[in-house]
Amino acid sequence: MTDDPRPSVLCTAPFAPDIMARLDAAFAVQRLADGLPPDIAATIRGLATNTLHGRLGADLMDRLPALEVIANFGVGYDNIDVTAAAERGIVVTNTPGVLDEEVADLALALLLATVRRLPQAERHLREGKWPQGAFPLSPTLRGRRIGILGLGAIGKAIARRLAGFDVDLAYNGRHRQPGVDLAYYPTAEALAAAVDVLVVVVPGGAATAGMVDGAVLSALGPQGILVNVARGSVVDEPALVAALQSGTILGAGLDVFAHEPHVPPALLALDNVVLLPHIGSASVATRSAMGNLMVDNLVSWFAVGHALTPVAETPQPSVRIR
């Protein structure tokens, strides 16, 4: 058992040096990679975790009987079993707001790169093919109607950017949003049928798993382009591969995949896709802001009994129960 009077916090993943320095300064930090003997596990009151480093389920929570708060590095938290956390009175936090603009920037860049085939054009130049002939003409964004699947904070940031491109916009979500002057469609398939670009920004998790399936891709049509900056689980990946191979849709821009960091060889072999290694929020400034908010949630919880950005599924008690 440790004699350190500071709250004991377990890190399930490595973080940037400046974030680890803040954690080490405020808490008695344990690292899951170093092992978790029972005497140490019994002291853990906080947990810092990363969306990209595996599932955090009831089995780990049950090994940490004193656990009060789980701070997630990322706005998405489908990596955490929030039902199990709520049942155990554990508050879960995420990092909303600080990455919205960065992910929206990346979504727009990925859309333009996919429509105008920018990586393919660069390869044409780098491989010395330009002297033998010009790169083939690309599709265009002009005249396209763009559907946003999931009009949350990131979806709205994407819509603001696209408004400057003079394109028609529409959206789908769980319900029509008051004050939003965009066409609304009640299902993903209905939205796909009405547009020829579908930008996916819904949260991950069981409720959205496979939402973009073969029927949605068929509705998007042979001039359709799919852009996914949400979670790989939202798209039926085999159906997407089949749609790209058969010409059911024209192309796709993907920043996320079903089994990261592994990408299906069939996708790698296609020339009508742009593939990125999940870099939506991956700028130095934004990742720093995410890490600092993760730490701030832990600091606030242990200082005043309330986290700054708890998720809806694990509401905080009015008075800390532990």
C-alpha atoms as a PDB file:
ATOM      1  CA  MET A   1       0.000   0.000   0.000  1.00  0.00           C
ATOM      2  CA  THR A   2       1.240   3.502  -0.777  1.00  0.00           C
ATOM      3  CA  ASP A   3       1.744   6.151   1.926  1.00  0.00           C
ATOM      4  CA  ASP A   4       1.170   8.969  -0.586  1.00  0.00           C
ATOM      5  CA  PRO A   5      -1.777  11.049   0.738  1.00  0.00           C
ATOM      6  CA  ARG A   6      -2.801  12.199  -2.736  1.00  0.00           C
ATOM      7  CA  PRO A   7      -5.669  10.444  -4.545  1.00  0.00           C
ATOM      8  CA  SER A   8      -4.474   7.381  -6.413  1.00  0.00           C
ATOM      9  CA  VAL A   9      -5.153   7.502 -10.165  1.00  0.00           C
ATOM     10  CA  LEU A  10      -4.626   4.676 -12.631  1.00  0.00           C
ATOM     11  CA  CYS A  11      -3.555   5.437 -16.215  1.00  0.00           C
ATOM     12  CA  THR A  12      -4.649   2.741 -18.651  1.00  0.00           C
ATOM     13  CA  ALA A  13      -2.750   4.345 -21.532  1.00  0.00           C
ATOM     14  CA  PRO A  14       0.272   6.602 -22.069  1.00  0.00           C
ATOM     15  CA  PHE A  15      -0.324  10.320 -22.459  1.00  0.00           C
ATOM     16  CA  ALA A  16       1.833  13.181 -23.709  1.00  0.00           C
ATOM     17  CA  PRO A  17       4.693  14.190 -21.381  1.00  0.00           C
ATOM     18  CA  ASP A  18       3.045  17.481 -20.345  1.00  0.00           C
ATOM     19  CA  ILE A  19      -0.184  15.682 -19.437  1.00  0.00           C
ATOM     20  CA  MET A  20       1.665  12.972 -17.516  1.00  0.00           C
ATOM     21  CA  ALA A  21       3.565  15.723 -15.680  1.00  0.00           C
ATOM     22  CA  ARG A  22       0.267  17.280 -14.538  1.00  0.00           C
ATOM     23  CA  LEU A  23      -1.089  13.901 -13.465  1.00  0.00           C
ATOM     24  CA  ASP A  24       2.105  13.041 -11.574  1.00  0.00           C
ATOM     25  CA  ALA A  25       2.052  16.435  -9.826  1.00  0.00           C
ATOM     26  CA  ALA A  26      -1.547  16.130  -8.635  1.00  0.00           C
ATOM     27  CA  PHE A  27      -2.000  12.410  -7.969  1.00  0.00           C
ATOM     28  CA  ALA A  28      -0.313   9.217  -6.916  1.00  0.00           C
ATOM     29  CA  VAL A  29      -0.210   7.799 -10.433  1.00  0.00           C
ATOM     30  CA  GLN A  30      -0.209   4.088 -11.191  1.00  0.00           C
ATOM     31  CA  ARG A  31       0.258   2.766 -14.718  1.00  0.00           C
ATOM     32  CA  LEU A  32      -1.721  -0.254 -15.860  1.00  0.00           C
ATOM     33  CA  ALA A  33       1.237  -1.326 -18.003  1.00  0.00           C
ATOM     34  CA  ASP A  34       3.237  -1.794 -14.777  1.00  0.00           C
ATOM     35  CA  GLY A  35       0.724  -4.292 -13.411  1.00  0.00           C
ATOM     36  CA  LEU A  36      -2.054  -3.930 -10.865  1.00  0.00           C
ATOM     37  CA  PRO A  37      -1.518  -5.971  -7.712  1.00  0.00           C
ATOM     38  CA  PRO A  38      -4.570  -6.219  -5.400  1.00  0.00           C
ATOM     39  CA  ASP A  39      -3.152  -3.921  -2.720  1.00  0.00           C
ATOM     40  CA  ILE A  40      -2.636  -1.146  -5.269  1.00  0.00           C
ATOM     41  CA  ALA A  41      -5.975  -1.828  -7.012  1.00  0.00           C
ATOM     42  CA  ALA A  42      -7.771  -1.306  -3.705  1.00  0.00           C
ATOM     43  CA  THR A  43      -6.438   2.271  -3.468  1.00  0.00           C
ATOM     44  CA  ILE A  44      -7.397   3.488  -6.954  1.00  0.00           C
ATOM     45  CA  ARG A  45      -9.994   6.287  -6.816  1.00  0.00           C
ATOM     46  CA  GLY A  46      -9.604   7.766 -10.308  1.00  0.00           C
ATOM     47  CA  LEU A  47      -8.877   6.407 -13.757  1.00  0.00           C
ATOM     48  CA  ALA A  48      -7.464   8.174 -16.819  1.00  0.00           C
ATOM     49  CA  THR A  49      -8.102   6.384 -20.094  1.00  0.00           C
ATOM     50  CA  ASN A  50      -7.854   6.885 -23.828  1.00  0.00           C
ATOM     51  CA  THR A  51     -10.573   6.164 -26.391  1.00  0.00           C
ATOM     52  CA  LEU A  52      -8.008   4.521 -28.660  1.00  0.00           C
ATOM     53  CA  HIS A  53      -6.608   2.045 -26.149  1.00  0.00           C
ATOM     54  CA  GLY A  54      -9.203  -0.688 -25.805  1.00  0.00           C
ATOM     55  CA  ARG A  55     -12.426  -1.425 -23.994  1.00  0.00           C
ATOM     56  CA  LEU A  56     -12.876  -0.461 -20.355  1.00  0.00           C
ATOM     57  CA  GLY A  57     -15.499  -2.753 -18.904  1.00  0.00           C
ATOM     58  CA  ALA A  58     -17.016  -4.025 -15.674  1.00  0.00           C
ATOM     59  CA  ASP A  59     -14.185  -6.506 -15.150  1.00  0.00           C
ATOM     60  CA  LEU A  60     -11.634  -3.732 -14.557  1.00  0.00           C
ATOM     61  CA  MET A  61     -14.092  -1.663 -12.530  1.00  0.00           C
ATOM     62  CA  ASP A  62     -14.691  -4.631 -10.234  1.00  0.00           C
ATOM     63  CA  ARG A  63     -10.943  -4.856  -9.589  1.00  0.00           C
ATOM     64  CA  LEU A  64     -11.036  -1.228  -8.376  1.00  0.00           C
ATOM     65  CA  PRO A  65     -13.475  -1.180  -5.430  1.00  0.00           C
ATOM     66  CA  ALA A  66     -12.671   2.429  -4.452  1.00  0.00           C
ATOM     67  CA  LEU A  67     -13.054   3.825  -7.988  1.00  0.00           C
ATOM     68  CA  GLU A  68     -15.052   7.072  -8.099  1.00  0.00           C
ATOM     69  CA  VAL A  69     -14.356   8.692 -11.473  1.00  0.00           C
ATOM     70  CA  ILE A  70     -13.218   7.680 -14.970  1.00  0.00           C
ATOM     71  CA  ALA A  71     -11.764  10.520 -17.060  1.00  0.00           C
ATOM     72  CA  ASN A  72     -11.748   9.749 -20.784  1.00  0.00           C
ATOM     73  CA  PHE A  73      -9.367  11.383 -23.247  1.00  0.00           C
ATOM     74  CA  GLY A  74     -11.775  11.955 -26.138  1.00  0.00           C
ATOM     75  CA  VAL A  75     -15.277  13.192 -26.777  1.00  0.00           C
ATOM     76  CA  GLY A  76     -16.446   9.707 -27.750  1.00  0.00           C
ATOM     77  CA  TYR A  77     -16.658   7.255 -24.856  1.00  0.00           C
ATOM     78  CA  ASP A  78     -18.044   4.104 -26.459  1.00  0.00           C
ATOM     79  CA  ASN A  79     -14.858   2.430 -25.214  1.00  0.00           C
ATOM     80  CA  ILE A  80     -16.269   2.633 -21.661  1.00  0.00           C
ATOM     81  CA  ASP A  81     -19.113   0.506 -20.302  1.00  0.00           C
ATOM     82  CA  VAL A  82     -21.056   3.466 -18.940  1.00  0.00           C
ATOM     83  CA  THR A  83     -23.929   1.249 -17.796  1.00  0.00           C
ATOM     84  CA  ALA A  84     -21.560  -0.690 -15.572  1.00  0.00           C
ATOM     85  CA  ALA A  85     -20.070   2.591 -14.317  1.00  0.00           C
ATOM     86  CA  ALA A  86     -23.500   4.020 -13.471  1.00  0.00           C
ATOM     87  CA  GLU A  87     -24.473   0.841 -11.627  1.00  0.00           C
ATOM     88  CA  ARG A  88     -21.371   1.226  -9.467  1.00  0.00           C
ATOM     89  CA  GLY A  89     -21.838   4.949  -8.810  1.00  0.00           C
ATOM     90  CA  ILE A  90     -18.803   5.867 -10.903  1.00  0.00           C
ATOM     91  CA  VAL A  91     -18.855   9.175 -12.777  1.00  0.00           C
ATOM     92  CA  VAL A  92     -17.503   9.112 -16.347  1.00  0.00           C
ATOM     93  CA  THR A  93     -16.190  12.264 -18.040  1.00  0.00           C
ATOM     94  CA  ASN A  94     -15.156  13.083 -21.594  1.00  0.00           C
ATOM     95  CA  THR A  95     -13.598  16.037 -23.421  1.00  0.00           C
ATOM     96  CA  PRO A  96     -16.322  17.794 -25.447  1.00  0.00           C
ATOM     97  CA  GLY A  97     -15.942  21.197 -27.056  1.00  0.00           C
ATOM     98  CA  VAL A  98     -12.162  21.368 -27.249  1.00  0.00           C
ATOM     99  CA  LEU A  99     -11.886  19.230 -30.398  1.00  0.00           C
ATOM    100  CA  ASP A 100     -15.017  20.214 -32.353  1.00  0.00           C
ATOM    101  CA  GLU A 101     -13.366  22.743 -34.647  1.00  0.00           C
ATOM    102  CA  GLU A 102     -10.320  20.574 -35.346  1.00  0.00           C
ATOM    103  CA  VAL A 103     -12.414  17.552 -36.331  1.00  0.00           C
ATOM    104  CA  ALA A 104     -14.643  19.765 -38.484  1.00  0.00           C
ATOM    105  CA  ASP A 105     -11.569  21.118 -40.281  1.00  0.00           C
ATOM    106  CA  LEU A 106     -10.371  17.583 -40.937  1.00  0.00           C
ATOM    107  CA  ALA A 107     -13.810  16.492 -42.153  1.00  0.00           C
ATOM    108  CA  LEU A 108     -13.846  19.290 -44.717  1.00  0.00           C
ATOM    109  CA  ALA A 109     -10.283  18.525 -45.815  1.00  0.00           C
ATOM    110  CA  LEU A 110     -11.149  14.843 -46.183  1.00  0.00           C
ATOM    111  CA  LEU A 111     -14.275  15.671 -48.178  1.00  0.00           C
ATOM    112  CA  LEU A 112     -12.344  17.890 -50.599  1.00  0.00           C
ATOM    113  CA  ALA A 113      -9.505  15.373 -50.897  1.00  0.00           C
ATOM    114  CA  THR A 114     -11.985  12.610 -51.703  1.00  0.00           C
ATOM    115  CA  VAL A 115     -14.075  14.541 -54.213  1.00  0.00           C
ATOM    116  CA  ARG A 116     -11.102  16.080 -56.038  1.00  0.00           C
ATOM    117  CA  ARG A 117      -8.934  12.940 -55.645  1.00  0.00           C
ATOM    118  CA  LEU A 118      -6.026  14.921 -54.213  1.00  0.00           C
ATOM    119  CA  PRO A 119      -3.939  12.024 -52.837  1.00  0.00           C
ATOM    120  CA  GLN A 120      -4.315  10.184 -56.147  1.00  0.00           C
ATOM    121  CA  ALA A 121      -3.209  13.303 -58.032  1.00  0.00           C
ATOM    122  CA  GLU A 122      -0.166  13.682 -55.786  1.00  0.00           C
ATOM    123  CA  ARG A 123       0.779  10.036 -56.380  1.00  0.00           C
ATOM    124  CA  HIS A 124       0.466  10.643 -60.126  1.00  0.00           C
ATOM    125  CA  LEU A 125       3.016  13.465 -59.828  1.00  0.00           C
ATOM    126  CA  ARG A 126       5.373  11.686 -57.406  1.00  0.00           C
ATOM    127  CA  GLU A 127       5.445   8.535 -59.532  1.00  0.00           C
ATOM    128  CA  GLY A 128       6.658  10.569 -62.517  1.00  0.00           C
ATOM    129  CA  LYS A 129       3.497  10.066 -64.564  1.00  0.00           C
ATOM    130  CA  TRP A 130       2.759  13.744 -65.295  1.00  0.00           C
ATOM    131  CA  PRO A 131       5.170  13.995 -68.278  1.00  0.00           C
ATOM    132  CA  GLN A 132       3.327  11.057 -69.844  1.00  0.00           C
ATOM    133  CA  GLY A 133      -0.080  12.647 -69.415  1.00  0.00           C
ATOM    134  CA  ALA A 134      -2.268  14.833 -67.247  1.00  0.00           C
ATOM    135  CA  PHE A 135      -4.046  13.395 -64.239  1.00  0.00           C
ATOM    136  CA  PRO A 136      -7.635  12.423 -65.149  1.00  0.00           C
ATOM    137  CA  LEU A 137     -10.385  14.932 -64.454  1.00  0.00           C
ATOM    138  CA  SER A 138     -11.966  14.586 -61.033  1.00  0.00           C
ATOM    139  CA  PRO A 139     -15.558  14.876 -59.817  1.00  0.00           C
ATOM    140  CA  THR A 140     -16.606  18.211 -58.321  1.00  0.00           C
ATOM    141  CA  LEU A 141     -18.201  19.560 -55.190  1.00  0.00           C
ATOM    142  CA  ARG A 142     -20.206  21.987 -57.310  1.00  0.00           C
ATOM    143  CA  GLY A 143     -23.902  21.177 -57.454  1.00  0.00           C
ATOM    144  CA  ARG A 144     -23.738  18.524 -54.785  1.00  0.00           C
ATOM    145  CA  ARG A 145     -26.114  18.202 -51.861  1.00  0.00           C
ATOM    146  CA  ILE A 146     -24.437  17.215 -48.614  1.00  0.00           C
ATOM    147  CA  GLY A 147     -26.080  15.297 -45.795  1.00  0.00           C
ATOM    148  CA  ILE A 148     -24.721  15.395 -42.242  1.00  0.00           C
ATOM    149  CA  LEU A 149     -25.500  12.268 -40.273  1.00  0.00           C
ATOM    150  CA  GLY A 150     -25.491  13.518 -36.692  1.00  0.00           C
ATOM    151  CA  LEU A 151     -25.875  17.262 -36.139  1.00  0.00           C
ATOM    152  CA  GLY A 152     -24.145  17.605 -32.777  1.00  0.00           C
ATOM    153  CA  ALA A 153     -21.437  20.133 -32.007  1.00  0.00           C
ATOM    154  CA  ILE A 154     -19.053  18.718 -34.605  1.00  0.00           C
ATOM    155  CA  GLY A 155     -21.827  18.329 -37.181  1.00  0.00           C
ATOM    156  CA  LYS A 156     -22.816  21.973 -36.703  1.00  0.00           C
ATOM    157  CA  ALA A 157     -19.186  23.065 -37.071  1.00  0.00           C
ATOM    158  CA  ILE A 158     -18.988  21.141 -40.343  1.00  0.00           C
ATOM    159  CA  ALA A 159     -22.241  22.746 -41.522  1.00  0.00           C
ATOM    160  CA  ARG A 160     -20.873  26.233 -40.777  1.00  0.00           C
ATOM    161  CA  ARG A 161     -17.840  25.547 -42.926  1.00  0.00           C
ATOM    162  CA  LEU A 162     -19.835  24.060 -45.775  1.00  0.00           C
ATOM    163  CA  ALA A 163     -22.151  27.079 -45.816  1.00  0.00           C
ATOM    164  CA  GLY A 164     -19.253  28.999 -47.355  1.00  0.00           C
ATOM    165  CA  PHE A 165     -19.055  26.515 -50.236  1.00  0.00           C
ATOM    166  CA  ASP A 166     -22.536  27.362 -51.526  1.00  0.00           C
ATOM    167  CA  VAL A 167     -23.846  23.799 -51.335  1.00  0.00           C
ATOM    168  CA  ASP A 168     -27.232  22.549 -50.167  1.00  0.00           C
ATOM    169  CA  LEU A 169     -27.197  20.898 -46.740  1.00  0.00           C
ATOM    170  CA  ALA A 170     -29.490  18.446 -44.982  1.00  0.00           C
ATOM    171  CA  TYR A 171     -29.229  16.362 -41.831  1.00  0.00           C
ATOM    172  CA  ASN A 172     -30.472  13.408 -39.838  1.00  0.00           C
ATOM    173  CA  GLY A 173     -30.455  12.965 -36.083  1.00  0.00           C
ATOM    174  CA  ARG A 174     -32.571  11.464 -33.343  1.00  0.00           C
ATOM    175  CA  HIS A 175     -35.005  14.338 -33.760  1.00  0.00           C
ATOM    176  CA  ARG A 176     -35.496  17.568 -35.684  1.00  0.00           C
ATOM    177  CA  GLN A 177     -33.588  20.366 -33.953  1.00  0.00           C
ATOM    178  CA  PRO A 178     -35.360  23.651 -33.220  1.00  0.00           C
ATOM    179  CA  GLY A 179     -33.738  26.677 -34.773  1.00  0.00           C
ATOM    180  CA  VAL A 180     -31.823  24.662 -37.388  1.00  0.00           C
ATOM    181  CA  ASP A 181     -32.656  25.922 -40.877  1.00  0.00           C
ATOM    182  CA  LEU A 182     -31.621  22.775 -42.746  1.00  0.00           C
ATOM    183  CA  ALA A 183     -33.743  20.081 -44.358  1.00  0.00           C
ATOM    184  CA  TYR A 184     -34.341  17.203 -41.937  1.00  0.00           C
ATOM    185  CA  TYR A 185     -34.743  13.528 -42.808  1.00  0.00           C
ATOM    186  CA  PRO A 186     -35.967  11.036 -40.191  1.00  0.00           C
ATOM    187  CA  THR A 187     -33.670   8.123 -41.131  1.00  0.00           C
ATOM    188  CA  ALA A 188     -30.145   7.641 -42.395  1.00  0.00           C
ATOM    189  CA  GLU A 189     -31.473   5.923 -45.506  1.00  0.00           C
ATOM    190  CA  ALA A 190     -33.882   8.778 -46.278  1.00  0.00           C
ATOM    191  CA  LEU A 191     -31.051  11.292 -45.892  1.00  0.00           C
ATOM    192  CA  ALA A 192     -28.742   9.262 -48.130  1.00  0.00           C
ATOM    193  CA  ALA A 193     -31.407   9.071 -50.833  1.00  0.00           C
ATOM    194  CA  ALA A 194     -31.753  12.871 -50.802  1.00  0.00           C
ATOM    195  CA  VAL A 195     -28.030  13.727 -51.033  1.00  0.00           C
ATOM    196  CA  ASP A 196     -24.921  12.640 -52.884  1.00  0.00           C
ATOM    197  CA  VAL A 197     -22.390  13.245 -50.090  1.00  0.00           C
ATOM    198  CA  LEU A 198     -22.958  11.713 -46.650  1.00  0.00           C
ATOM    199  CA  VAL A 199     -20.751  12.981 -43.796  1.00  0.00           C
ATOM    200  CA  VAL A 200     -20.926  10.729 -40.738  1.00  0.00           C
ATOM    201  CA  VAL A 201     -20.444  12.340 -37.313  1.00  0.00           C
ATOM    202  CA  VAL A 202     -22.760  10.350 -35.011  1.00  0.00           C
ATOM    203  CA  PRO A 203     -21.397   8.929 -31.739  1.00  0.00           C
ATOM    204  CA  GLY A 204     -20.212   5.345 -31.618  1.00  0.00           C
ATOM    205  CA  GLY A 205     -21.761   2.626 -29.502  1.00  0.00           C
ATOM    206  CA  ALA A 206     -24.420  -0.040 -29.771  1.00  0.00           C
ATOM    207  CA  ALA A 207     -27.152   2.392 -30.836  1.00  0.00           C
ATOM    208  CA  THR A 208     -25.303   3.407 -34.015  1.00  0.00           C
ATOM    209  CA  ALA A 209     -23.406   0.210 -34.850  1.00  0.00           C
ATOM    210  CA  GLY A 210     -23.805  -0.575 -38.545  1.00  0.00           C
ATOM    211  CA  MET A 211     -26.094   2.427 -39.090  1.00  0.00           C
ATOM    212  CA  VAL A 212     -24.554   3.054 -42.511  1.00  0.00           C
ATOM    213  CA  ASP A 213     -25.348  -0.314 -44.066  1.00  0.00           C
ATOM    214  CA  GLY A 214     -25.858  -1.647 -47.571  1.00  0.00           C
ATOM    215  CA  ALA A 215     -29.296  -0.060 -47.860  1.00  0.00           C
ATOM    216  CA  VAL A 216     -27.949   3.386 -46.931  1.00  0.00           C
ATOM    217  CA  LEU A 217     -25.067   3.044 -49.382  1.00  0.00           C
ATOM    218  CA  SER A 218     -27.427   1.958 -52.159  1.00  0.00           C
ATOM    219  CA  ALA A 219     -29.598   4.979 -51.424  1.00  0.00           C
ATOM    220  CA  LEU A 220     -26.546   7.244 -51.669  1.00  0.00           C
ATOM    221  CA  GLY A 221     -26.105   6.045 -55.225  1.00  0.00           C
ATOM    222  CA  PRO A 222     -23.444   5.749 -57.934  1.00  0.00           C
ATOM    223  CA  GLN A 223     -22.350   9.409 -57.670  1.00  0.00           C
ATOM    224  CA  GLY A 224     -22.378   9.244 -53.893  1.00  0.00           C
ATOM    225  CA  ILE A 225     -19.429   9.883 -51.586  1.00  0.00           C
ATOM    226  CA  LEU A 226     -19.200   8.772 -47.970  1.00  0.00           C
ATOM    227  CA  VAL A 227     -17.033  10.629 -45.444  1.00  0.00           C
ATOM    228  CA  ASN A 228     -16.648   9.121 -41.973  1.00  0.00           C
ATOM    229  CA  VAL A 229     -14.985  11.034 -39.119  1.00  0.00           C
ATOM    230  CA  ALA A 230     -17.104   9.419 -36.392  1.00  0.00           C
ATOM    231  CA  ARG A 231     -16.392   5.805 -35.447  1.00  0.00           C
ATOM    232  CA  GLY A 232     -15.594   2.866 -37.683  1.00  0.00           C
ATOM    233  CA  SER A 233     -18.368   0.890 -35.975  1.00  0.00           C
ATOM    234  CA  VAL A 234     -21.017   3.195 -37.473  1.00  0.00           C
ATOM    235  CA  VAL A 235     -20.345   1.863 -40.997  1.00  0.00           C
ATOM    236  CA  ASP A 236     -20.872  -1.747 -42.082  1.00  0.00           C
ATOM    237  CA  GLU A 237     -17.332  -2.130 -43.385  1.00  0.00           C
ATOM    238  CA  PRO A 238     -17.861  -5.219 -45.596  1.00  0.00           C
ATOM    239  CA  ALA A 239     -20.912  -3.531 -47.154  1.00  0.00           C
ATOM    240  CA  LEU A 240     -18.817  -0.413 -47.787  1.00  0.00           C
ATOM    241  CA  VAL A 241     -16.054  -2.412 -49.468  1.00  0.00           C
ATOM    242  CA  ALA A 242     -18.631  -4.116 -51.683  1.00  0.00           C
ATOM    243  CA  ALA A 243     -20.262  -0.778 -52.560  1.00  0.00           C
ATOM    244  CA  LEU A 244     -16.905   0.746 -53.515  1.00  0.00           C
ATOM    245  CA  GLN A 245     -15.851  -2.275 -55.561  1.00  0.00           C
ATOM    246  CA  SER A 246     -19.146  -2.528 -57.449  1.00  0.00           C
ATOM    247  CA  GLY A 247     -19.681   1.176 -58.151  1.00  0.00           C
ATOM    248  CA  THR A 248     -22.728   1.327 -55.895  1.00  0.00           C
ATOM    249  CA  ILE A 249     -21.107   4.533 -54.607  1.00  0.00           C
ATOM    250  CA  LEU A 250     -18.407   6.661 -56.211  1.00  0.00           C
ATOM    251  CA  GLY A 251     -15.924   6.958 -53.369  1.00  0.00           C
ATOM    252  CA  ALA A 252     -15.223   7.322 -49.669  1.00  0.00           C
ATOM    253  CA  GLY A 253     -13.023   9.311 -47.318  1.00  0.00           C
ATOM    254  CA  LEU A 254     -12.369   7.482 -44.057  1.00  0.00           C
ATOM    255  CA  ASP A 255     -10.576   8.633 -40.923  1.00  0.00           C
ATOM    256  CA  VAL A 256     -11.888   5.741 -38.812  1.00  0.00           C
ATOM    257  CA  PHE A 257     -12.165   1.974 -39.157  1.00  0.00           C
ATOM    258  CA  ALA A 258     -13.905  -0.909 -37.451  1.00  0.00           C
ATOM    259  CA  HIS A 259     -10.787  -2.591 -36.034  1.00  0.00           C
ATOM    260  CA  GLU A 260      -8.182   0.134 -35.659  1.00  0.00           C
ATOM    261  CA  PRO A 261      -5.296   0.260 -36.270  1.00  0.00           C
ATOM    262  CA  HIS A 262      -5.998  -2.564 -38.727  1.00  0.00           C
ATOM    263  CA  VAL A 263      -7.479  -1.550 -42.090  1.00  0.00           C
ATOM    264  CA  PRO A 264      -9.010  -4.181 -44.393  1.00  0.00           C
ATOM    265  CA  PRO A 265      -6.666  -5.056 -47.274  1.00  0.00           C
ATOM    266  CA  ALA A 266      -9.631  -4.705 -49.620  1.00  0.00           C
ATOM    267  CA  LEU A 267      -9.888  -1.017 -48.715  1.00  0.00           C
ATOM    268  CA  LEU A 268      -6.144  -0.500 -49.121  1.00  0.00           C
ATOM    269  CA  ALA A 269      -6.359  -1.946 -52.619  1.00  0.00           C
ATOM    270  CA  LEU A 270      -9.005   0.516 -53.820  1.00  0.00           C
ATOM    271  CA  ASP A 271      -8.196   3.708 -55.710  1.00  0.00           C
ATOM    272  CA  ASN A 272     -11.540   5.417 -55.013  1.00  0.00           C
ATOM    273  CA  VAL A 273     -10.908   5.938 -51.303  1.00  0.00           C
ATOM    274  CA  VAL A 274      -8.878   8.348 -49.185  1.00  0.00           C
ATOM    275  CA  LEU A 275      -7.705   6.715 -45.963  1.00  0.00           C
ATOM    276  CA  LEU A 276      -6.366   8.493 -42.866  1.00  0.00           C
ATOM    277  CA  PRO A 277      -5.102   6.966 -39.579  1.00  0.00           C
ATOM    278  CA  HIS A 278      -7.745   8.440 -37.220  1.00  0.00           C
ATOM    279  CA  ILE A 279      -6.259  11.949 -37.060  1.00  0.00           C
ATOM    280  CA  GLY A 280      -9.441  14.019 -36.706  1.00  0.00           C
ATOM    281  CA  SER A 281      -8.310  15.701 -33.490  1.00  0.00           C
ATOM    282  CA  ALA A 282      -4.606  14.982 -33.925  1.00  0.00           C
ATOM    283  CA  SER A 283      -3.037  18.415 -33.764  1.00  0.00           C
ATOM    284  CA  VAL A 284      -0.620  19.370 -31.012  1.00  0.00           C
ATOM    285  CA  ALA A 285      -2.886  22.140 -29.730  1.00  0.00           C
ATOM    286  CA  THR A 286      -6.096  20.122 -29.710  1.00  0.00           C
ATOM    287  CA  ARG A 287      -4.627  16.982 -28.164  1.00  0.00           C
ATOM    288  CA  SER A 288      -3.086  19.184 -25.464  1.00  0.00           C
ATOM    289  CA  ALA A 289      -6.464  20.784 -24.767  1.00  0.00           C
ATOM    290  CA  MET A 290      -8.084  17.344 -24.573  1.00  0.00           C
ATOM    291  CA  GLY A 291      -5.456  16.076 -22.164  1.00  0.00           C
ATOM    292  CA  ASN A 292      -5.723  19.133 -19.953  1.00  0.00           C
ATOM    293  CA  LEU A 293      -9.510  18.837 -19.777  1.00  0.00           C
ATOM    294  CA  MET A 294      -9.143  15.170 -18.827  1.00  0.00           C
ATOM    295  CA  VAL A 295      -6.821  16.183 -15.970  1.00  0.00           C
ATOM    296  CA  ASP A 296      -9.057  19.115 -15.002  1.00  0.00           C
ATOM    297  CA  ASN A 297     -11.969  16.703 -14.595  1.00  0.00           C
ATOM    298  CA  LEU A 298      -9.968  14.596 -12.161  1.00  0.00           C
ATOM    299  CA  VAL A 299      -8.674  17.637 -10.268  1.00  0.00           C
ATOM    300  CA  SER A 300     -12.171  19.100  -9.955  1.00  0.00           C
ATOM    301  CA  TRP A 301     -13.666  15.821  -8.809  1.00  0.00           C
ATOM    302  CA  PHE A 302     -11.186  15.334  -5.996  1.00  0.00           C
ATOM    303  CA  ALA A 303     -11.161  19.028  -5.034  1.00  0.00           C
ATOM    304  CA  VAL A 304     -14.890  19.796  -4.931  1.00  0.00           C
ATOM    305  CA  GLY A 305     -16.702  16.529  -5.653  1.00  0.00           C
ATOM    306  CA  HIS A 306     -17.860  17.508  -9.136  1.00  0.00           C
ATOM    307  CA  ALA A 307     -16.333  16.868 -12.541  1.00  0.00           C
ATOM    308  CA  LEU A 308     -16.432  19.540 -15.243  1.00  0.00           C
ATOM    309  CA  THR A 309     -17.796  17.482 -18.140  1.00  0.00           C
ATOM    310  CA  PRO A 310     -19.595  14.339 -16.929  1.00  0.00           C
ATOM    311  CA  VAL A 311     -21.392  12.263 -19.546  1.00  0.00           C
ATOM    312  CA  ALA A 312     -25.186  12.068 -19.425  1.00  0.00           C
ATOM    313  CA  GLU A 313     -25.305   8.380 -18.493  1.00  0.00           C
ATOM    314  CA  THR A 314     -23.480   8.887 -15.192  1.00  0.00           C
ATOM    315  CA  PRO A 315     -25.000  11.953 -13.505  1.00  0.00           C
ATOM    316  CA  GLN A 316     -23.108  13.335 -10.564  1.00  0.00           C
ATOM    317  CA  PRO A 317     -24.521  13.243  -7.048  1.00  0.00           C
ATOM    318  CA  SER A 318     -25.305  16.603  -5.452  1.00  0.00           C
ATOM    319  CA  VAL A 319     -22.946  15.552  -2.676  1.00  0.00           C
ATOM    320  CA  ARG A 320     -20.125  13.147  -3.311  1.00  0.00           C
ATOM    321  CA  ILE A 321     -21.206   9.712  -2.116  1.00  0.00           C
ATOM    322  CA  ARG A 322     -17.722   8.375  -1.332  1.00  0.00           C
END
